[in-house]
ModelCIF file with pLDDT and N, C-alpha, C, O atoms, coordinates in Angstrom:
data_MODEL
#
_entry.id   MODEL 
#
_entity.id                         1 
_entity.type                       polymer 
_entity.pdbx_number_of_molecules   1 
#
_entity_poly.entity_id                      1 
_entity_poly.type                           'polypeptide(L)' 
_entity_poly.nstd_linkage                   no 
_entity_poly.nstd_monomer                   no 
_entity_poly.pdbx_seq_one_letter_code       STNYAVAVWGRFTISGDNAKNTVYLQMNSLKPEDTAVYYCAVDFKGPC 
_entity_poly.pdbx_seq_one_letter_code_can   STNYAVAVWGRFTISGDNAKNTVYLQMNSLKPEDTAVYYCAVDFKGPC 
_entity_poly.pdbx_strand_id                 A 
#
loop_
_entity_poly_seq.entity_id 
_entity_poly_seq.num 
_entity_poly_seq.mon_id 
_entity_poly_seq.hetero 
1 1  SER n 
1 2  THR n 
1 3  ASN n 
1 4  TYR n 
1 5  ALA n 
1 6  VAL n 
1 7  ALA n 
1 8  VAL n 
1 9  TRP n 
1 10 GLY n 
1 11 ARG n 
1 12 PHE n 
1 13 THR n 
1 14 ILE n 
1 15 SER n 
1 16 GLY n 
1 17 ASP n 
1 18 ASN n 
1 19 ALA n 
1 20 LYS n 
1 21 ASN n 
1 22 THR n 
1 23 VAL n 
1 24 TYR n 
1 25 LEU n 
1 26 GLN n 
1 27 MET n 
1 28 ASN n 
1 29 SER n 
1 30 LEU n 
1 31 LYS n 
1 32 PRO n 
1 33 GLU n 
1 34 ASP n 
1 35 THR n 
1 36 ALA n 
1 37 VAL n 
1 38 TYR n 
1 39 TYR n 
1 40 CYS n 
1 41 ALA n 
1 42 VAL n 
1 43 ASP n 
1 44 PHE n 
1 45 LYS n 
1 46 GLY n 
1 47 PRO n 
1 48 CYS n 
#
_struct_asym.id          A 
_struct_asym.entity_id   1 
#
loop_
_ma_qa_metric.id 
_ma_qa_metric.mode 
_ma_qa_metric.name 
_ma_qa_metric.software_group_id 
_ma_qa_metric.type 
1 global pLDDT . pLDDT 
2 local  pLDDT . pLDDT 
#
_ma_qa_metric_global.metric_id      1 
_ma_qa_metric_global.metric_value   96.23 
_ma_qa_metric_global.model_id       1 
_ma_qa_metric_global.ordinal_id     1 
#
loop_
_ma_qa_metric_local.label_asym_id 
_ma_qa_metric_local.label_comp_id 
_ma_qa_metric_local.label_seq_id 
_ma_qa_metric_local.metric_id 
_ma_qa_metric_local.metric_value 
_ma_qa_metric_local.model_id 
_ma_qa_metric_local.ordinal_id 
A SER 1  2 93.00 1 1  
A THR 2  2 96.00 1 2  
A ASN 3  2 97.00 1 3  
A TYR 4  2 97.00 1 4  
A ALA 5  2 97.00 1 5  
A VAL 6  2 97.00 1 6  
A ALA 7  2 97.00 1 7  
A VAL 8  2 98.00 1 8  
A TRP 9  2 97.00 1 9  
A GLY 10 2 97.00 1 10 
A ARG 11 2 98.00 1 11 
A PHE 12 2 98.00 1 12 
A THR 13 2 98.00 1 13 
A ILE 14 2 97.00 1 14 
A SER 15 2 96.00 1 15 
A GLY 16 2 95.00 1 16 
A ASP 17 2 94.00 1 17 
A ASN 18 2 92.00 1 18 
A ALA 19 2 94.00 1 19 
A LYS 20 2 96.00 1 20 
A ASN 21 2 96.00 1 21 
A THR 22 2 97.00 1 22 
A VAL 23 2 97.00 1 23 
A TYR 24 2 98.00 1 24 
A LEU 25 2 98.00 1 25 
A GLN 26 2 98.00 1 26 
A MET 27 2 98.00 1 27 
A ASN 28 2 98.00 1 28 
A SER 29 2 98.00 1 29 
A LEU 30 2 98.00 1 30 
A LYS 31 2 98.00 1 31 
A PRO 32 2 97.00 1 32 
A GLU 33 2 97.00 1 33 
A ASP 34 2 98.00 1 34 
A THR 35 2 98.00 1 35 
A ALA 36 2 98.00 1 36 
A VAL 37 2 98.00 1 37 
A TYR 38 2 98.00 1 38 
A TYR 39 2 98.00 1 39 
A CYS 40 2 97.00 1 40 
A ALA 41 2 97.00 1 41 
A VAL 42 2 95.00 1 42 
A ASP 43 2 94.00 1 43 
A PHE 44 2 92.00 1 44 
A LYS 45 2 91.00 1 45 
A GLY 46 2 88.00 1 46 
A PRO 47 2 91.00 1 47 
A CYS 48 2 94.00 1 48 
#
loop_
_atom_site.group_PDB 
_atom_site.id 
_atom_site.type_symbol 
_atom_site.label_atom_id 
_atom_site.label_alt_id 
_atom_site.label_comp_id 
_atom_site.label_asym_id 
_atom_site.label_entity_id 
_atom_site.label_seq_id 
_atom_site.pdbx_PDB_ins_code 
_atom_site.Cartn_x 
_atom_site.Cartn_y 
_atom_site.Cartn_z 
_atom_site.occupancy 
_atom_site.B_iso_or_equiv 
_atom_site.pdbx_formal_charge 
_atom_site.auth_seq_id 
_atom_site.auth_comp_id 
_atom_site.auth_asym_id 
_atom_site.auth_atom_id 
_atom_site.pdbx_PDB_model_num 
ATOM 1   N N  . SER A 1 1  ? 0.826  -1.202 0.000   1.00 93.00 ? 1  SER A N  1 
ATOM 2   C CA . SER A 1 1  ? 0.000  0.000  0.000   1.00 93.00 ? 1  SER A CA 1 
ATOM 3   C C  . SER A 1 1  ? 0.864  1.258  0.000   1.00 93.00 ? 1  SER A C  1 
ATOM 4   O O  . SER A 1 1  ? 1.944  1.294  0.590   1.00 93.00 ? 1  SER A O  1 
ATOM 5   N N  . THR A 1 2  ? 0.363  2.277  -0.671  1.00 96.00 ? 2  THR A N  1 
ATOM 6   C CA . THR A 1 2  ? 1.032  3.576  -0.724  1.00 96.00 ? 2  THR A CA 1 
ATOM 7   C C  . THR A 1 2  ? -0.001 4.678  -0.551  1.00 96.00 ? 2  THR A C  1 
ATOM 8   O O  . THR A 1 2  ? -1.193 4.472  -0.784  1.00 96.00 ? 2  THR A O  1 
ATOM 9   N N  . ASN A 1 3  ? 0.465  5.838  -0.143  1.00 97.00 ? 3  ASN A N  1 
ATOM 10  C CA . ASN A 1 3  ? -0.381 7.018  -0.043  1.00 97.00 ? 3  ASN A CA 1 
ATOM 11  C C  . ASN A 1 3  ? 0.441  8.243  -0.374  1.00 97.00 ? 3  ASN A C  1 
ATOM 12  O O  . ASN A 1 3  ? 1.660  8.254  -0.207  1.00 97.00 ? 3  ASN A O  1 
ATOM 13  N N  . TYR A 1 4  ? -0.241 9.279  -0.847  1.00 97.00 ? 4  TYR A N  1 
ATOM 14  C CA . TYR A 1 4  ? 0.435  10.509 -1.231  1.00 97.00 ? 4  TYR A CA 1 
ATOM 15  C C  . TYR A 1 4  ? -0.366 11.710 -0.746  1.00 97.00 ? 4  TYR A C  1 
ATOM 16  O O  . TYR A 1 4  ? -1.593 11.671 -0.657  1.00 97.00 ? 4  TYR A O  1 
ATOM 17  N N  . ALA A 1 5  ? 0.357  12.766 -0.440  1.00 97.00 ? 5  ALA A N  1 
ATOM 18  C CA . ALA A 1 5  ? -0.299 14.029 -0.171  1.00 97.00 ? 5  ALA A CA 1 
ATOM 19  C C  . ALA A 1 5  ? -0.873 14.578 -1.472  1.00 97.00 ? 5  ALA A C  1 
ATOM 20  O O  . ALA A 1 5  ? -0.347 14.316 -2.553  1.00 97.00 ? 5  ALA A O  1 
ATOM 21  N N  . VAL A 1 6  ? -1.934 15.324 -1.358  1.00 97.00 ? 6  VAL A N  1 
ATOM 22  C CA . VAL A 1 6  ? -2.588 15.878 -2.540  1.00 97.00 ? 6  VAL A CA 1 
ATOM 23  C C  . VAL A 1 6  ? -1.614 16.732 -3.350  1.00 97.00 ? 6  VAL A C  1 
ATOM 24  O O  . VAL A 1 6  ? -1.660 16.741 -4.580  1.00 97.00 ? 6  VAL A O  1 
ATOM 25  N N  . ALA A 1 7  ? -0.740 17.442 -2.654  1.00 97.00 ? 7  ALA A N  1 
ATOM 26  C CA . ALA A 1 7  ? 0.175  18.370 -3.323  1.00 97.00 ? 7  ALA A CA 1 
ATOM 27  C C  . ALA A 1 7  ? 1.168  17.674 -4.245  1.00 97.00 ? 7  ALA A C  1 
ATOM 28  O O  . ALA A 1 7  ? 1.720  18.311 -5.143  1.00 97.00 ? 7  ALA A O  1 
ATOM 29  N N  . VAL A 1 8  ? 1.405  16.384 -4.043  1.00 98.00 ? 8  VAL A N  1 
ATOM 30  C CA . VAL A 1 8  ? 2.409  15.680 -4.853  1.00 98.00 ? 8  VAL A CA 1 
ATOM 31  C C  . VAL A 1 8  ? 1.796  14.577 -5.699  1.00 98.00 ? 8  VAL A C  1 
ATOM 32  O O  . VAL A 1 8  ? 2.500  13.894 -6.442  1.00 98.00 ? 8  VAL A O  1 
ATOM 33  N N  . TRP A 1 9  ? 0.486  14.402 -5.587  1.00 97.00 ? 9  TRP A N  1 
ATOM 34  C CA . TRP A 1 9  ? -0.197 13.324 -6.305  1.00 97.00 ? 9  TRP A CA 1 
ATOM 35  C C  . TRP A 1 9  ? 0.071  13.429 -7.805  1.00 97.00 ? 9  TRP A C  1 
ATOM 36  O O  . TRP A 1 9  ? -0.068 14.496 -8.404  1.00 97.00 ? 9  TRP A O  1 
ATOM 37  N N  . GLY A 1 10 ? 0.454  12.308 -8.393  1.00 97.00 ? 10 GLY A N  1 
ATOM 38  C CA . GLY A 1 10 ? 0.697  12.275 -9.828  1.00 97.00 ? 10 GLY A CA 1 
ATOM 39  C C  . GLY A 1 10 ? 2.084  12.728 -10.239 1.00 97.00 ? 10 GLY A C  1 
ATOM 40  O O  . GLY A 1 10 ? 2.465  12.555 -11.397 1.00 97.00 ? 10 GLY A O  1 
ATOM 41  N N  . ARG A 1 11 ? 2.842  13.298 -9.331  1.00 98.00 ? 11 ARG A N  1 
ATOM 42  C CA . ARG A 1 11 ? 4.206  13.749 -9.635  1.00 98.00 ? 11 ARG A CA 1 
ATOM 43  C C  . ARG A 1 11 ? 5.259  12.928 -8.904  1.00 98.00 ? 11 ARG A C  1 
ATOM 44  O O  . ARG A 1 11 ? 6.346  12.708 -9.437  1.00 98.00 ? 11 ARG A O  1 
ATOM 45  N N  . PHE A 1 12 ? 4.959  12.477 -7.709  1.00 98.00 ? 12 PHE A N  1 
ATOM 46  C CA . PHE A 1 12 ? 5.901  11.714 -6.899  1.00 98.00 ? 12 PHE A CA 1 
ATOM 47  C C  . PHE A 1 12 ? 5.481  10.247 -6.876  1.00 98.00 ? 12 PHE A C  1 
ATOM 48  O O  . PHE A 1 12 ? 4.294  9.924  -6.912  1.00 98.00 ? 12 PHE A O  1 
ATOM 49  N N  . THR A 1 13 ? 6.482  9.367  -6.815  1.00 98.00 ? 13 THR A N  1 
ATOM 50  C CA . THR A 1 13 ? 6.230  7.933  -6.713  1.00 98.00 ? 13 THR A CA 1 
ATOM 51  C C  . THR A 1 13 ? 7.138  7.341  -5.653  1.00 98.00 ? 13 THR A C  1 
ATOM 52  O O  . THR A 1 13 ? 8.354  7.528  -5.684  1.00 98.00 ? 13 THR A O  1 
ATOM 53  N N  . ILE A 1 14 ? 6.538  6.626  -4.717  1.00 97.00 ? 14 ILE A N  1 
ATOM 54  C CA . ILE A 1 14 ? 7.312  5.967  -3.659  1.00 97.00 ? 14 ILE A CA 1 
ATOM 55  C C  . ILE A 1 14 ? 7.456  4.491  -4.000  1.00 97.00 ? 14 ILE A C  1 
ATOM 56  O O  . ILE A 1 14 ? 6.530  3.868  -4.520  1.00 97.00 ? 14 ILE A O  1 
ATOM 57  N N  . SER A 1 15 ? 8.627  3.942  -3.699  1.00 96.00 ? 15 SER A N  1 
ATOM 58  C CA . SER A 1 15 ? 8.870  2.523  -3.974  1.00 96.00 ? 15 SER A CA 1 
ATOM 59  C C  . SER A 1 15 ? 9.919  2.019  -3.006  1.00 96.00 ? 15 SER A C  1 
ATOM 60  O O  . SER A 1 15 ? 10.519 2.793  -2.260  1.00 96.00 ? 15 SER A O  1 
ATOM 61  N N  . GLY A 1 16 ? 10.136 0.703  -3.024  1.00 95.00 ? 16 GLY A N  1 
ATOM 62  C CA . GLY A 1 16 ? 11.118 0.138  -2.122  1.00 95.00 ? 16 GLY A CA 1 
ATOM 63  C C  . GLY A 1 16 ? 11.898 -0.978 -2.772  1.00 95.00 ? 16 GLY A C  1 
ATOM 64  O O  . GLY A 1 16 ? 11.435 -1.604 -3.725  1.00 95.00 ? 16 GLY A O  1 
ATOM 65  N N  . ASP A 1 17 ? 13.078 -1.221 -2.255  1.00 94.00 ? 17 ASP A N  1 
ATOM 66  C CA . ASP A 1 17 ? 13.942 -2.317 -2.704  1.00 94.00 ? 17 ASP A CA 1 
ATOM 67  C C  . ASP A 1 17 ? 14.306 -3.113 -1.463  1.00 94.00 ? 17 ASP A C  1 
ATOM 68  O O  . ASP A 1 17 ? 15.150 -2.693 -0.672  1.00 94.00 ? 17 ASP A O  1 
ATOM 69  N N  . ASN A 1 18 ? 13.668 -4.258 -1.295  1.00 92.00 ? 18 ASN A N  1 
ATOM 70  C CA . ASN A 1 18 ? 13.903 -5.048 -0.088  1.00 92.00 ? 18 ASN A CA 1 
ATOM 71  C C  . ASN A 1 18 ? 15.358 -5.522 0.002   1.00 92.00 ? 18 ASN A C  1 
ATOM 72  O O  . ASN A 1 18 ? 15.930 -5.569 1.091   1.00 92.00 ? 18 ASN A O  1 
ATOM 73  N N  . ALA A 1 19 ? 15.939 -5.863 -1.114  1.00 94.00 ? 19 ALA A N  1 
ATOM 74  C CA . ALA A 1 19 ? 17.316 -6.361 -1.102  1.00 94.00 ? 19 ALA A CA 1 
ATOM 75  C C  . ALA A 1 19 ? 18.293 -5.291 -0.600  1.00 94.00 ? 19 ALA A C  1 
ATOM 76  O O  . ALA A 1 19 ? 19.298 -5.598 0.041   1.00 94.00 ? 19 ALA A O  1 
ATOM 77  N N  . LYS A 1 20 ? 17.975 -4.038 -0.904  1.00 96.00 ? 20 LYS A N  1 
ATOM 78  C CA . LYS A 1 20 ? 18.843 -2.942 -0.479  1.00 96.00 ? 20 LYS A CA 1 
ATOM 79  C C  . LYS A 1 20 ? 18.348 -2.294 0.813   1.00 96.00 ? 20 LYS A C  1 
ATOM 80  O O  . LYS A 1 20 ? 18.977 -1.374 1.335   1.00 96.00 ? 20 LYS A O  1 
ATOM 81  N N  . ASN A 1 21 ? 17.213 -2.782 1.324   1.00 96.00 ? 21 ASN A N  1 
ATOM 82  C CA . ASN A 1 21 ? 16.650 -2.217 2.549   1.00 96.00 ? 21 ASN A CA 1 
ATOM 83  C C  . ASN A 1 21 ? 16.496 -0.693 2.442   1.00 96.00 ? 21 ASN A C  1 
ATOM 84  O O  . ASN A 1 21 ? 16.833 0.060  3.356   1.00 96.00 ? 21 ASN A O  1 
ATOM 85  N N  . THR A 1 22 ? 15.983 -0.286 1.305   1.00 97.00 ? 22 THR A N  1 
ATOM 86  C CA . THR A 1 22 ? 15.915 1.136  0.968   1.00 97.00 ? 22 THR A CA 1 
ATOM 87  C C  . THR A 1 22 ? 14.552 1.472  0.360   1.00 97.00 ? 22 THR A C  1 
ATOM 88  O O  . THR A 1 22 ? 13.983 0.694  -0.406  1.00 97.00 ? 22 THR A O  1 
ATOM 89  N N  . VAL A 1 23 ? 14.052 2.644  0.720   1.00 97.00 ? 23 VAL A N  1 
ATOM 90  C CA . VAL A 1 23 ? 12.836 3.188  0.106   1.00 97.00 ? 23 VAL A CA 1 
ATOM 91  C C  . VAL A 1 23 ? 13.226 4.424  -0.697  1.00 97.00 ? 23 VAL A C  1 
ATOM 92  O O  . VAL A 1 23 ? 14.087 5.205  -0.292  1.00 97.00 ? 23 VAL A O  1 
ATOM 93  N N  . TYR A 1 24 ? 12.578 4.579  -1.834  1.00 98.00 ? 24 TYR A N  1 
ATOM 94  C CA . TYR A 1 24 ? 12.881 5.693  -2.729  1.00 98.00 ? 24 TYR A CA 1 
ATOM 95  C C  . TYR A 1 24 ? 11.674 6.602  -2.882  1.00 98.00 ? 24 TYR A C  1 
ATOM 96  O O  . TYR A 1 24 ? 10.530 6.180  -2.716  1.00 98.00 ? 24 TYR A O  1 
ATOM 97  N N  . LEU A 1 25 ? 11.951 7.850  -3.199  1.00 98.00 ? 25 LEU A N  1 
ATOM 98  C CA . LEU A 1 25 ? 10.908 8.802  -3.559  1.00 98.00 ? 25 LEU A CA 1 
ATOM 99  C C  . LEU A 1 25 ? 11.323 9.450  -4.871  1.00 98.00 ? 25 LEU A C  1 
ATOM 100 O O  . LEU A 1 25 ? 12.203 10.311 -4.901  1.00 98.00 ? 25 LEU A O  1 
ATOM 101 N N  . GLN A 1 26 ? 10.684 9.029  -5.951  1.00 98.00 ? 26 GLN A N  1 
ATOM 102 C CA . GLN A 1 26 ? 10.943 9.620  -7.252  1.00 98.00 ? 26 GLN A CA 1 
ATOM 103 C C  . GLN A 1 26 ? 10.082 10.859 -7.404  1.00 98.00 ? 26 GLN A C  1 
ATOM 104 O O  . GLN A 1 26 ? 8.855  10.787 -7.325  1.00 98.00 ? 26 GLN A O  1 
ATOM 105 N N  . MET A 1 27 ? 10.720 11.986 -7.620  1.00 98.00 ? 27 MET A N  1 
ATOM 106 C CA . MET A 1 27 ? 10.011 13.267 -7.688  1.00 98.00 ? 27 MET A CA 1 
ATOM 107 C C  . MET A 1 27 ? 10.170 13.845 -9.094  1.00 98.00 ? 27 MET A C  1 
ATOM 108 O O  . MET A 1 27 ? 11.275 14.186 -9.514  1.00 98.00 ? 27 MET A O  1 
ATOM 109 N N  . ASN A 1 28 ? 9.069  13.947 -9.803  1.00 98.00 ? 28 ASN A N  1 
ATOM 110 C CA . ASN A 1 28 ? 9.062  14.497 -11.155 1.00 98.00 ? 28 ASN A CA 1 
ATOM 111 C C  . ASN A 1 28 ? 8.278  15.798 -11.189 1.00 98.00 ? 28 ASN A C  1 
ATOM 112 O O  . ASN A 1 28 ? 7.535  16.117 -10.261 1.00 98.00 ? 28 ASN A O  1 
ATOM 113 N N  . SER A 1 29 ? 8.452  16.533 -12.259 1.00 98.00 ? 29 SER A N  1 
ATOM 114 C CA . SER A 1 29 ? 7.732  17.802 -12.453 1.00 98.00 ? 29 SER A CA 1 
ATOM 115 C C  . SER A 1 29 ? 7.827  18.686 -11.212 1.00 98.00 ? 29 SER A C  1 
ATOM 116 O O  . SER A 1 29 ? 6.833  19.223 -10.724 1.00 98.00 ? 29 SER A O  1 
ATOM 117 N N  . LEU A 1 30 ? 9.037  18.816 -10.729 1.00 98.00 ? 30 LEU A N  1 
ATOM 118 C CA . LEU A 1 30 ? 9.234  19.561 -9.478  1.00 98.00 ? 30 LEU A CA 1 
ATOM 119 C C  . LEU A 1 30 ? 8.886  21.031 -9.627  1.00 98.00 ? 30 LEU A C  1 
ATOM 120 O O  . LEU A 1 30 ? 9.089  21.637 -10.679 1.00 98.00 ? 30 LEU A O  1 
ATOM 121 N N  . LYS A 1 31 ? 8.356  21.587 -8.544  1.00 98.00 ? 31 LYS A N  1 
ATOM 122 C CA . LYS A 1 31 ? 7.936  22.983 -8.506  1.00 98.00 ? 31 LYS A CA 1 
ATOM 123 C C  . LYS A 1 31 ? 8.716  23.720 -7.412  1.00 98.00 ? 31 LYS A C  1 
ATOM 124 O O  . LYS A 1 31 ? 9.205  23.085 -6.478  1.00 98.00 ? 31 LYS A O  1 
ATOM 125 N N  . PRO A 1 32 ? 8.836  25.013 -7.508  1.00 97.00 ? 32 PRO A N  1 
ATOM 126 C CA . PRO A 1 32 ? 9.527  25.748 -6.437  1.00 97.00 ? 32 PRO A CA 1 
ATOM 127 C C  . PRO A 1 32 ? 8.922  25.484 -5.057  1.00 97.00 ? 32 PRO A C  1 
ATOM 128 O O  . PRO A 1 32 ? 9.640  25.494 -4.058  1.00 97.00 ? 32 PRO A O  1 
ATOM 129 N N  . GLU A 1 33 ? 7.636  25.253 -4.995  1.00 97.00 ? 33 GLU A N  1 
ATOM 130 C CA . GLU A 1 33 ? 7.008  24.995 -3.691  1.00 97.00 ? 33 GLU A CA 1 
ATOM 131 C C  . GLU A 1 33 ? 7.345  23.621 -3.129  1.00 97.00 ? 33 GLU A C  1 
ATOM 132 O O  . GLU A 1 33 ? 6.953  23.309 -2.004  1.00 97.00 ? 33 GLU A O  1 
ATOM 133 N N  . ASP A 1 34 ? 8.056  22.799 -3.877  1.00 98.00 ? 34 ASP A N  1 
ATOM 134 C CA . ASP A 1 34 ? 8.552  21.522 -3.357  1.00 98.00 ? 34 ASP A CA 1 
ATOM 135 C C  . ASP A 1 34 ? 9.859  21.701 -2.589  1.00 98.00 ? 34 ASP A C  1 
ATOM 136 O O  . ASP A 1 34 ? 10.356 20.756 -1.975  1.00 98.00 ? 34 ASP A O  1 
ATOM 137 N N  . THR A 1 35 ? 10.408 22.898 -2.622  1.00 98.00 ? 35 THR A N  1 
ATOM 138 C CA . THR A 1 35 ? 11.655 23.167 -1.900  1.00 98.00 ? 35 THR A CA 1 
ATOM 139 C C  . THR A 1 35 ? 11.456 22.961 -0.407  1.00 98.00 ? 35 THR A C  1 
ATOM 140 O O  . THR A 1 35 ? 10.574 23.562 0.206   1.00 98.00 ? 35 THR A O  1 
ATOM 141 N N  . ALA A 1 36 ? 12.295 22.097 0.171   1.00 98.00 ? 36 ALA A N  1 
ATOM 142 C CA . ALA A 1 36 ? 12.171 21.747 1.584   1.00 98.00 ? 36 ALA A CA 1 
ATOM 143 C C  . ALA A 1 36 ? 13.300 20.786 1.952   1.00 98.00 ? 36 ALA A C  1 
ATOM 144 O O  . ALA A 1 36 ? 14.021 20.278 1.093   1.00 98.00 ? 36 ALA A O  1 
ATOM 145 N N  . VAL A 1 37 ? 13.427 20.556 3.247   1.00 98.00 ? 37 VAL A N  1 
ATOM 146 C CA . VAL A 1 37 ? 14.239 19.436 3.725   1.00 98.00 ? 37 VAL A CA 1 
ATOM 147 C C  . VAL A 1 37 ? 13.313 18.222 3.794   1.00 98.00 ? 37 VAL A C  1 
ATOM 148 O O  . VAL A 1 37 ? 12.244 18.276 4.402   1.00 98.00 ? 37 VAL A O  1 
ATOM 149 N N  . TYR A 1 38 ? 13.736 17.145 3.171   1.00 98.00 ? 38 TYR A N  1 
ATOM 150 C CA . TYR A 1 38 ? 12.929 15.932 3.126   1.00 98.00 ? 38 TYR A CA 1 
ATOM 151 C C  . TYR A 1 38 ? 13.481 14.912 4.119   1.00 98.00 ? 38 TYR A C  1 
ATOM 152 O O  . TYR A 1 38 ? 14.684 14.659 4.179   1.00 98.00 ? 38 TYR A O  1 
ATOM 153 N N  . TYR A 1 39 ? 12.561 14.334 4.897   1.00 98.00 ? 39 TYR A N  1 
ATOM 154 C CA . TYR A 1 39 ? 12.918 13.372 5.916   1.00 98.00 ? 39 TYR A CA 1 
ATOM 155 C C  . TYR A 1 39 ? 12.170 12.061 5.686   1.00 98.00 ? 39 TYR A C  1 
ATOM 156 O O  . TYR A 1 39 ? 11.061 12.054 5.151   1.00 98.00 ? 39 TYR A O  1 
ATOM 157 N N  . CYS A 1 40 ? 12.786 10.960 6.095   1.00 97.00 ? 40 CYS A N  1 
ATOM 158 C CA . CYS A 1 40 ? 12.050 9.702  6.150   1.00 97.00 ? 40 CYS A CA 1 
ATOM 159 C C  . CYS A 1 40 ? 12.021 9.228  7.598   1.00 97.00 ? 40 CYS A C  1 
ATOM 160 O O  . CYS A 1 40 ? 12.875 9.591  8.407   1.00 97.00 ? 40 CYS A O  1 
ATOM 161 N N  . ALA A 1 41 ? 11.024 8.414  7.904   1.00 97.00 ? 41 ALA A N  1 
ATOM 162 C CA . ALA A 1 41 ? 10.836 7.893  9.253   1.00 97.00 ? 41 ALA A CA 1 
ATOM 163 C C  . ALA A 1 41 ? 10.046 6.600  9.155   1.00 97.00 ? 41 ALA A C  1 
ATOM 164 O O  . ALA A 1 41 ? 9.503  6.272  8.100   1.00 97.00 ? 41 ALA A O  1 
ATOM 165 N N  . VAL A 1 42 ? 9.986  5.867  10.263  1.00 95.00 ? 42 VAL A N  1 
ATOM 166 C CA . VAL A 1 42 ? 9.350  4.550  10.251  1.00 95.00 ? 42 VAL A CA 1 
ATOM 167 C C  . VAL A 1 42 ? 8.193  4.504  11.250  1.00 95.00 ? 42 VAL A C  1 
ATOM 168 O O  . VAL A 1 42 ? 8.289  5.013  12.367  1.00 95.00 ? 42 VAL A O  1 
ATOM 169 N N  . ASP A 1 43 ? 7.113  3.887  10.819  1.00 94.00 ? 43 ASP A N  1 
ATOM 170 C CA . ASP A 1 43 ? 5.973  3.589  11.690  1.00 94.00 ? 43 ASP A CA 1 
ATOM 171 C C  . ASP A 1 43 ? 6.006  2.089  11.966  1.00 94.00 ? 43 ASP A C  1 
ATOM 172 O O  . ASP A 1 43 ? 5.753  1.285  11.069  1.00 94.00 ? 43 ASP A O  1 
ATOM 173 N N  . PHE A 1 44 ? 6.317  1.711  13.203  1.00 92.00 ? 44 PHE A N  1 
ATOM 174 C CA . PHE A 1 44 ? 6.454  0.307  13.549  1.00 92.00 ? 44 PHE A CA 1 
ATOM 175 C C  . PHE A 1 44 ? 5.122  -0.376 13.813  1.00 92.00 ? 44 PHE A C  1 
ATOM 176 O O  . PHE A 1 44 ? 5.066  -1.599 13.943  1.00 92.00 ? 44 PHE A O  1 
ATOM 177 N N  . LYS A 1 45 ? 4.056  0.398  13.894  1.00 91.00 ? 45 LYS A N  1 
ATOM 178 C CA . LYS A 1 45 ? 2.816  -0.187 14.400  1.00 91.00 ? 45 LYS A CA 1 
ATOM 179 C C  . LYS A 1 45 ? 1.700  -0.310 13.375  1.00 91.00 ? 45 LYS A C  1 
ATOM 180 O O  . LYS A 1 45 ? 0.860  -1.202 13.493  1.00 91.00 ? 45 LYS A O  1 
ATOM 181 N N  . GLY A 1 46 ? 1.670  0.553  12.384  1.00 88.00 ? 46 GLY A N  1 
ATOM 182 C CA . GLY A 1 46 ? 0.492  0.554  11.531  1.00 88.00 ? 46 GLY A CA 1 
ATOM 183 C C  . GLY A 1 46 ? 0.811  0.502  10.056  1.00 88.00 ? 46 GLY A C  1 
ATOM 184 O O  . GLY A 1 46 ? 1.968  0.653  9.663   1.00 88.00 ? 46 GLY A O  1 
ATOM 185 N N  . PRO A 1 47 ? -0.215 0.288  9.221   1.00 91.00 ? 47 PRO A N  1 
ATOM 186 C CA . PRO A 1 47 ? -0.035 0.300  7.775   1.00 91.00 ? 47 PRO A CA 1 
ATOM 187 C C  . PRO A 1 47 ? 0.046  1.728  7.254   1.00 91.00 ? 47 PRO A C  1 
ATOM 188 O O  . PRO A 1 47 ? -0.205 2.689  7.981   1.00 91.00 ? 47 PRO A O  1 
ATOM 189 N N  . CYS A 1 48 ? 0.399  1.842  5.992   1.00 94.00 ? 48 CYS A N  1 
ATOM 190 C CA . CYS A 1 48 ? 0.447  3.154  5.355   1.00 94.00 ? 48 CYS A CA 1 
ATOM 191 C C  . CYS A 1 48 ? -0.975 3.676  5.181   1.00 94.00 ? 48 CYS A C  1 
ATOM 192 O O  . CYS A 1 48 ? -1.170 4.774  4.661   1.00 94.00 ? 48 CYS A O  1 
#
């Protein structure tokens, strides 16, 4: 399962590589309002 904020819907794609233990965020059609520090974090208890 995946979810996206409305502001990035259709432009960003989240995916994962289990072998590399890594999650990716592909960001296309970037806009100036996407400027920010981006963080990742883990939810140990619930689904997306």
